[in-house]
């Protein structure tokens, strides 16, 4: 179909999504990155956040745990560290991850800098997963 974007989201363990979409928005390093048909060629890193896309007027969302995106000739390939649809998210597990990360950050005088960086990333992932799970 003319004017569509071929979107592929791949993780190290599976092909998460392969769809023809009208547009998409991904979490870029400087904010949200919007992609429409005929977008200029691009290679970028992706942050932890939500990738949203529209197809025939319907919006969908998946979580991304960071990664890379390539845009070339109306094909967007996302290589994500991890990705989940809202229905796949275990909310209790995400809440536990949030609590663990907050505990580590609360005891910042006990944790080294590496542990604090990991805890901040874990907290961000957990919050995005919890938010996305609410969009079922």
N, C-alpha and C. Protein backbone atom coordinates (compact mmCIF):
# COMPACT_ATOMS: atom_id res chain seq x y z
N UNK A 1 0.84 -1.18 0.00
CA UNK A 1 0.00 0.00 0.00
C UNK A 1 0.89 1.24 0.00
N UNK A 2 0.66 2.18 -0.91
CA UNK A 2 1.47 3.39 -0.99
C UNK A 2 1.28 4.24 0.25
N UNK A 3 2.36 4.85 0.71
CA UNK A 3 2.28 5.72 1.87
C UNK A 3 2.38 4.99 3.19
N UNK A 4 2.61 3.69 3.17
CA UNK A 4 2.76 2.93 4.41
C UNK A 4 4.23 2.83 4.79
N UNK A 5 4.44 2.48 6.04
CA UNK A 5 5.77 2.22 6.57
C UNK A 5 5.79 0.77 7.02
N UNK A 6 6.81 0.05 6.62
CA UNK A 6 6.99 -1.31 7.09
C UNK A 6 7.75 -1.23 8.42
N UNK A 7 7.12 -1.67 9.49
CA UNK A 7 7.70 -1.59 10.84
C UNK A 7 8.03 -2.99 11.33
N UNK A 8 9.29 -3.18 11.71
CA UNK A 8 9.75 -4.45 12.30
C UNK A 8 10.40 -4.12 13.63
N UNK A 9 9.96 -4.81 14.68
CA UNK A 9 10.56 -4.68 16.01
C UNK A 9 11.11 -6.05 16.38
N UNK A 10 12.42 -6.10 16.61
CA UNK A 10 13.11 -7.36 16.87
C UNK A 10 13.89 -7.23 18.18
N UNK A 11 13.84 -8.28 19.00
CA UNK A 11 14.67 -8.36 20.21
C UNK A 11 15.66 -9.51 20.02
N UNK A 12 16.58 -9.68 20.93
CA UNK A 12 17.52 -10.81 20.80
C UNK A 12 16.83 -12.18 20.81
N UNK A 13 15.60 -12.26 21.30
CA UNK A 13 14.94 -13.57 21.42
C UNK A 13 13.76 -13.77 20.48
N UNK A 14 13.24 -12.70 19.85
CA UNK A 14 12.07 -12.92 19.00
C UNK A 14 11.77 -11.72 18.11
N UNK A 15 11.00 -11.99 17.08
CA UNK A 15 10.40 -10.95 16.25
C UNK A 15 9.12 -10.54 16.97
N UNK A 16 9.06 -9.31 17.46
CA UNK A 16 7.92 -8.85 18.26
C UNK A 16 6.80 -8.35 17.36
N UNK A 17 7.16 -7.65 16.30
CA UNK A 17 6.14 -7.00 15.47
C UNK A 17 6.64 -6.88 14.04
N UNK A 18 5.77 -7.15 13.11
CA UNK A 18 6.03 -6.90 11.69
C UNK A 18 4.71 -6.46 11.08
N UNK A 19 4.58 -5.17 10.83
CA UNK A 19 3.30 -4.58 10.38
C UNK A 19 3.54 -3.48 9.37
N UNK A 20 2.55 -3.23 8.54
CA UNK A 20 2.50 -2.03 7.71
C UNK A 20 1.73 -1.00 8.53
N UNK A 21 2.33 0.15 8.79
CA UNK A 21 1.71 1.17 9.63
C UNK A 21 1.67 2.51 8.88
N UNK A 22 0.83 3.41 9.39
CA UNK A 22 0.71 4.74 8.79
C UNK A 22 1.75 5.70 9.33
N UNK A 23 2.08 5.55 10.61
CA UNK A 23 3.05 6.42 11.27
C UNK A 23 3.47 5.77 12.58
N UNK A 24 4.59 6.25 13.13
CA UNK A 24 5.01 5.73 14.43
C UNK A 24 5.77 6.80 15.18
N UNK A 25 5.83 6.63 16.49
CA UNK A 25 6.58 7.51 17.37
C UNK A 25 7.40 6.63 18.29
N UNK A 26 8.70 6.95 18.41
CA UNK A 26 9.60 6.14 19.23
C UNK A 26 10.36 7.04 20.21
N UNK A 27 10.80 6.47 21.33
CA UNK A 27 11.52 7.26 22.33
C UNK A 27 12.99 7.46 21.93
N UNK A 28 13.29 8.61 21.37
CA UNK A 28 14.65 8.92 20.95
C UNK A 28 15.48 9.51 22.08
N UNK A 29 16.76 9.67 21.87
CA UNK A 29 17.63 10.20 22.93
C UNK A 29 17.35 11.66 23.29
N UNK A 30 16.71 12.41 22.39
CA UNK A 30 16.40 13.81 22.67
C UNK A 30 14.90 14.06 22.78
N UNK A 31 14.13 13.00 22.94
CA UNK A 31 12.68 13.12 23.02
C UNK A 31 12.01 12.19 22.03
N UNK A 32 10.73 12.41 21.80
CA UNK A 32 9.96 11.54 20.91
C UNK A 32 10.36 11.78 19.46
N UNK A 33 10.50 10.70 18.73
CA UNK A 33 10.89 10.74 17.33
C UNK A 33 9.71 10.28 16.49
N UNK A 34 9.16 11.16 15.68
CA UNK A 34 8.02 10.82 14.84
C UNK A 34 8.48 10.42 13.45
N UNK A 35 7.91 9.35 12.94
CA UNK A 35 8.26 8.85 11.61
C UNK A 35 6.98 8.76 10.77
N UNK A 36 6.99 9.44 9.65
CA UNK A 36 5.91 9.39 8.67
C UNK A 36 6.45 8.78 7.39
N UNK A 37 5.58 8.38 6.45
CA UNK A 37 6.07 7.85 5.18
C UNK A 37 7.03 8.83 4.50
N UNK A 38 8.01 8.28 3.81
CA UNK A 38 9.03 9.04 3.08
C UNK A 38 9.96 9.83 3.99
N UNK A 39 10.12 9.38 5.23
CA UNK A 39 11.05 10.02 6.16
C UNK A 39 12.47 9.87 5.63
N UNK A 40 13.32 10.82 5.91
CA UNK A 40 14.72 10.76 5.51
C UNK A 40 15.41 9.57 6.18
N UNK A 41 16.43 9.04 5.53
CA UNK A 41 17.19 7.93 6.10
C UNK A 41 17.76 8.37 7.45
N UNK A 42 17.75 7.43 8.40
CA UNK A 42 18.14 7.77 9.77
C UNK A 42 18.59 6.52 10.49
N UNK A 43 19.58 6.68 11.34
CA UNK A 43 20.00 5.63 12.27
C UNK A 43 20.14 6.32 13.62
N UNK A 44 19.50 5.76 14.66
CA UNK A 44 19.52 6.41 15.97
C UNK A 44 19.44 5.38 17.08
N UNK A 45 19.87 5.80 18.25
CA UNK A 45 19.63 4.99 19.44
C UNK A 45 18.22 5.27 19.92
N UNK A 46 17.68 4.35 20.70
CA UNK A 46 16.36 4.53 21.31
C UNK A 46 16.49 4.39 22.80
N UNK A 47 15.71 5.16 23.52
CA UNK A 47 15.70 5.11 24.97
C UNK A 47 14.61 4.16 25.46
N UNK A 48 14.57 3.96 26.74
CA UNK A 48 13.48 3.22 27.37
C UNK A 48 12.22 4.05 27.21
N UNK A 49 11.14 3.43 26.77
CA UNK A 49 9.89 4.16 26.60
C UNK A 49 8.89 3.38 25.78
N UNK A 50 7.91 4.09 25.27
CA UNK A 50 6.85 3.47 24.48
C UNK A 50 7.05 3.78 23.00
N UNK A 51 6.88 2.76 22.18
CA UNK A 51 6.80 2.95 20.74
C UNK A 51 5.32 2.85 20.41
N UNK A 52 4.78 3.91 19.82
CA UNK A 52 3.37 3.89 19.44
C UNK A 52 3.29 3.95 17.92
N UNK A 53 2.25 3.33 17.38
CA UNK A 53 2.07 3.35 15.94
C UNK A 53 0.58 3.35 15.62
N UNK A 54 0.27 3.89 14.44
CA UNK A 54 -1.11 3.97 13.97
C UNK A 54 -1.23 3.19 12.67
N UNK A 55 -2.32 2.45 12.61
CA UNK A 55 -2.63 1.67 11.41
C UNK A 55 -4.13 1.78 11.17
N UNK A 56 -4.51 2.33 10.06
CA UNK A 56 -5.93 2.48 9.70
C UNK A 56 -6.71 3.18 10.80
N UNK A 57 -6.12 4.20 11.40
CA UNK A 57 -6.80 4.98 12.42
C UNK A 57 -6.74 4.42 13.82
N UNK A 58 -6.29 3.18 13.99
CA UNK A 58 -6.20 2.57 15.31
C UNK A 58 -4.77 2.71 15.84
N UNK A 59 -4.66 3.09 17.11
CA UNK A 59 -3.34 3.27 17.74
C UNK A 59 -3.00 2.05 18.57
N UNK A 60 -1.72 1.69 18.56
CA UNK A 60 -1.20 0.60 19.38
C UNK A 60 0.11 1.05 19.99
N UNK A 61 0.51 0.35 21.06
CA UNK A 61 1.73 0.73 21.76
C UNK A 61 2.45 -0.52 22.25
N UNK A 62 3.77 -0.44 22.29
CA UNK A 62 4.59 -1.48 22.91
C UNK A 62 5.69 -0.79 23.71
N UNK A 63 6.19 -1.47 24.72
CA UNK A 63 7.30 -0.92 25.49
C UNK A 63 8.61 -1.29 24.80
N UNK A 64 9.57 -0.42 24.95
CA UNK A 64 10.93 -0.68 24.48
C UNK A 64 11.88 -0.46 25.65
N UNK A 65 12.83 -1.35 25.79
CA UNK A 65 13.86 -1.19 26.81
C UNK A 65 15.15 -0.72 26.16
N UNK A 66 15.03 0.30 25.32
CA UNK A 66 16.19 0.85 24.63
C UNK A 66 16.55 0.02 23.41
N UNK A 67 17.45 0.54 22.61
CA UNK A 67 17.89 -0.17 21.43
C UNK A 67 18.31 0.79 20.34
N UNK A 68 18.05 0.38 19.09
CA UNK A 68 18.44 1.15 17.91
C UNK A 68 17.31 1.12 16.89
N UNK A 69 17.26 2.16 16.06
CA UNK A 69 16.28 2.19 14.97
C UNK A 69 16.97 2.64 13.70
N UNK A 70 16.56 2.01 12.60
CA UNK A 70 17.01 2.42 11.28
C UNK A 70 15.78 2.74 10.45
N UNK A 71 15.80 3.88 9.77
CA UNK A 71 14.74 4.28 8.86
C UNK A 71 15.37 4.37 7.48
N UNK A 72 14.84 3.60 6.53
CA UNK A 72 15.40 3.60 5.18
C UNK A 72 14.34 3.13 4.20
N UNK A 73 14.01 3.97 3.24
CA UNK A 73 13.06 3.62 2.18
C UNK A 73 11.73 3.08 2.72
N UNK A 74 11.12 3.81 3.65
CA UNK A 74 9.83 3.45 4.24
C UNK A 74 9.86 2.12 4.98
N UNK A 75 11.03 1.73 5.46
CA UNK A 75 11.18 0.56 6.32
C UNK A 75 11.84 1.02 7.61
N UNK A 76 11.18 0.76 8.72
CA UNK A 76 11.74 1.08 10.03
C UNK A 76 12.03 -0.24 10.73
N UNK A 77 13.31 -0.43 11.06
CA UNK A 77 13.73 -1.62 11.78
C UNK A 77 14.19 -1.19 13.16
N UNK A 78 13.55 -1.75 14.17
CA UNK A 78 13.90 -1.46 15.56
C UNK A 78 14.55 -2.70 16.15
N UNK A 79 15.77 -2.54 16.61
CA UNK A 79 16.48 -3.60 17.32
C UNK A 79 16.43 -3.21 18.79
N UNK A 80 15.57 -3.85 19.54
CA UNK A 80 15.32 -3.47 20.93
C UNK A 80 15.95 -4.47 21.89
N UNK A 81 16.40 -3.96 23.02
CA UNK A 81 16.91 -4.84 24.07
C UNK A 81 15.81 -5.75 24.58
N UNK A 82 14.60 -5.22 24.69
CA UNK A 82 13.40 -5.96 25.07
C UNK A 82 12.21 -5.14 24.59
N UNK A 83 11.10 -5.83 24.30
CA UNK A 83 9.88 -5.16 23.87
C UNK A 83 8.68 -6.03 24.26
N UNK A 84 7.60 -5.36 24.68
CA UNK A 84 6.40 -6.08 25.12
C UNK A 84 5.14 -5.33 24.71
N UNK A 85 4.12 -6.08 24.34
CA UNK A 85 2.79 -5.53 24.16
C UNK A 85 2.15 -5.38 25.55
N UNK A 86 1.17 -4.50 25.71
CA UNK A 86 0.53 -4.33 27.01
C UNK A 86 0.02 -5.64 27.62
N UNK A 87 -0.58 -6.51 26.83
CA UNK A 87 -1.14 -7.76 27.35
C UNK A 87 -0.07 -8.73 27.84
N UNK A 88 1.17 -8.54 27.42
CA UNK A 88 2.26 -9.43 27.83
C UNK A 88 2.92 -9.02 29.14
N UNK A 89 2.60 -7.85 29.62
CA UNK A 89 3.28 -7.31 30.80
C UNK A 89 2.70 -7.89 32.08
N UNK A 90 3.55 -8.44 32.91
CA UNK A 90 3.19 -8.93 34.24
C UNK A 90 3.28 -7.73 35.19
N UNK A 91 2.12 -7.16 35.49
CA UNK A 91 2.08 -5.94 36.29
C UNK A 91 2.67 -6.14 37.68
N UNK A 92 2.41 -7.27 38.31
CA UNK A 92 2.96 -7.53 39.65
C UNK A 92 4.49 -7.56 39.59
N UNK A 93 5.03 -8.18 38.56
CA UNK A 93 6.49 -8.23 38.41
C UNK A 93 7.06 -6.84 38.19
N UNK A 94 6.37 -6.02 37.39
CA UNK A 94 6.81 -4.66 37.14
C UNK A 94 6.76 -3.82 38.43
N UNK A 95 5.71 -4.01 39.22
CA UNK A 95 5.60 -3.30 40.51
C UNK A 95 6.72 -3.71 41.46
N UNK A 96 7.05 -5.00 41.48
CA UNK A 96 8.16 -5.47 42.32
C UNK A 96 9.49 -4.87 41.86
N UNK A 97 9.70 -4.79 40.56
CA UNK A 97 10.92 -4.18 40.02
C UNK A 97 10.99 -2.71 40.39
N UNK A 98 9.84 -2.02 40.33
CA UNK A 98 9.79 -0.61 40.72
C UNK A 98 10.18 -0.45 42.19
N UNK A 99 9.61 -1.29 43.05
CA UNK A 99 9.90 -1.21 44.49
C UNK A 99 11.38 -1.49 44.78
N UNK A 100 11.94 -2.50 44.12
CA UNK A 100 13.37 -2.81 44.32
C UNK A 100 14.25 -1.64 43.90
N UNK A 101 13.94 -1.06 42.75
CA UNK A 101 14.73 0.07 42.25
C UNK A 101 14.61 1.27 43.18
N UNK A 102 13.40 1.55 43.65
CA UNK A 102 13.21 2.67 44.58
C UNK A 102 13.95 2.43 45.89
N UNK A 103 13.97 1.18 46.37
CA UNK A 103 14.71 0.87 47.60
C UNK A 103 16.20 1.11 47.41
N UNK A 104 16.73 0.67 46.27
CA UNK A 104 18.14 0.89 46.00
C UNK A 104 18.45 2.38 45.93
N UNK A 105 17.60 3.13 45.26
CA UNK A 105 17.81 4.57 45.15
C UNK A 105 17.63 5.27 46.49
N UNK A 106 16.75 4.74 47.34
CA UNK A 106 16.54 5.30 48.68
C UNK A 106 17.72 5.09 49.59
N UNK A 107 18.48 4.02 49.34
CA UNK A 107 19.69 3.73 50.11
C UNK A 107 20.92 4.15 49.33
N UNK A 108 20.85 5.32 48.70
CA UNK A 108 21.92 5.74 47.80
C UNK A 108 23.27 5.90 48.49
N UNK A 109 23.26 6.14 49.81
CA UNK A 109 24.54 6.25 50.51
C UNK A 109 25.19 4.88 50.70
N UNK A 110 24.40 3.80 50.53
CA UNK A 110 24.92 2.43 50.67
C UNK A 110 25.34 1.83 49.32
N UNK A 111 24.86 2.40 48.21
CA UNK A 111 25.09 1.83 46.89
C UNK A 111 26.19 2.58 46.15
N UNK A 112 26.96 1.85 45.35
CA UNK A 112 27.98 2.51 44.54
C UNK A 112 27.32 3.12 43.30
N UNK A 113 28.07 3.91 42.56
CA UNK A 113 27.52 4.64 41.41
C UNK A 113 26.97 3.69 40.35
N UNK A 114 27.62 2.58 40.11
CA UNK A 114 27.15 1.61 39.11
C UNK A 114 25.79 1.04 39.50
N UNK A 115 25.61 0.74 40.78
CA UNK A 115 24.32 0.22 41.25
C UNK A 115 23.23 1.28 41.12
N UNK A 116 23.58 2.54 41.35
CA UNK A 116 22.59 3.61 41.23
C UNK A 116 22.17 3.81 39.78
N UNK A 117 23.11 3.75 38.86
CA UNK A 117 22.78 3.88 37.43
C UNK A 117 21.86 2.73 37.01
N UNK A 118 22.18 1.52 37.44
CA UNK A 118 21.35 0.35 37.11
C UNK A 118 19.96 0.49 37.72
N UNK A 119 19.89 1.00 38.94
CA UNK A 119 18.59 1.17 39.61
C UNK A 119 17.74 2.23 38.91
N UNK A 120 18.37 3.32 38.45
CA UNK A 120 17.61 4.35 37.72
C UNK A 120 17.03 3.78 36.43
N UNK A 121 17.82 2.99 35.71
CA UNK A 121 17.34 2.36 34.47
C UNK A 121 16.23 1.36 34.77
N UNK A 122 16.40 0.57 35.83
CA UNK A 122 15.37 -0.41 36.21
C UNK A 122 14.07 0.29 36.59
N UNK A 123 14.19 1.40 37.30
CA UNK A 123 13.00 2.17 37.68
C UNK A 123 12.30 2.71 36.44
N UNK A 124 13.06 3.25 35.50
CA UNK A 124 12.46 3.77 34.27
C UNK A 124 11.75 2.67 33.49
N UNK A 125 12.39 1.50 33.37
CA UNK A 125 11.77 0.37 32.67
C UNK A 125 10.48 -0.06 33.36
N UNK A 126 10.53 -0.16 34.70
CA UNK A 126 9.35 -0.59 35.45
C UNK A 126 8.20 0.39 35.28
N UNK A 127 8.49 1.69 35.36
CA UNK A 127 7.44 2.70 35.22
C UNK A 127 6.81 2.67 33.82
N UNK A 128 7.62 2.49 32.80
CA UNK A 128 7.09 2.41 31.44
C UNK A 128 6.23 1.16 31.28
N UNK A 129 6.68 0.04 31.84
CA UNK A 129 5.90 -1.20 31.76
C UNK A 129 4.57 -1.05 32.48
N UNK A 130 4.57 -0.43 33.66
CA UNK A 130 3.34 -0.24 34.43
C UNK A 130 2.38 0.67 33.65
N UNK A 131 2.91 1.76 33.08
CA UNK A 131 2.07 2.67 32.30
C UNK A 131 1.48 1.96 31.08
N UNK A 132 2.31 1.20 30.40
CA UNK A 132 1.85 0.51 29.18
C UNK A 132 0.83 -0.56 29.52
N UNK A 133 1.03 -1.28 30.62
CA UNK A 133 0.08 -2.32 31.03
C UNK A 133 -1.30 -1.73 31.25
N UNK A 134 -1.37 -0.49 31.68
CA UNK A 134 -2.65 0.17 31.89
C UNK A 134 -3.38 0.50 30.61
N UNK A 135 -2.73 0.31 29.45
CA UNK A 135 -3.34 0.64 28.16
C UNK A 135 -3.91 -0.60 27.46
N UNK A 136 -4.15 -1.66 28.23
CA UNK A 136 -4.69 -2.89 27.64
C UNK A 136 -6.06 -2.67 27.09
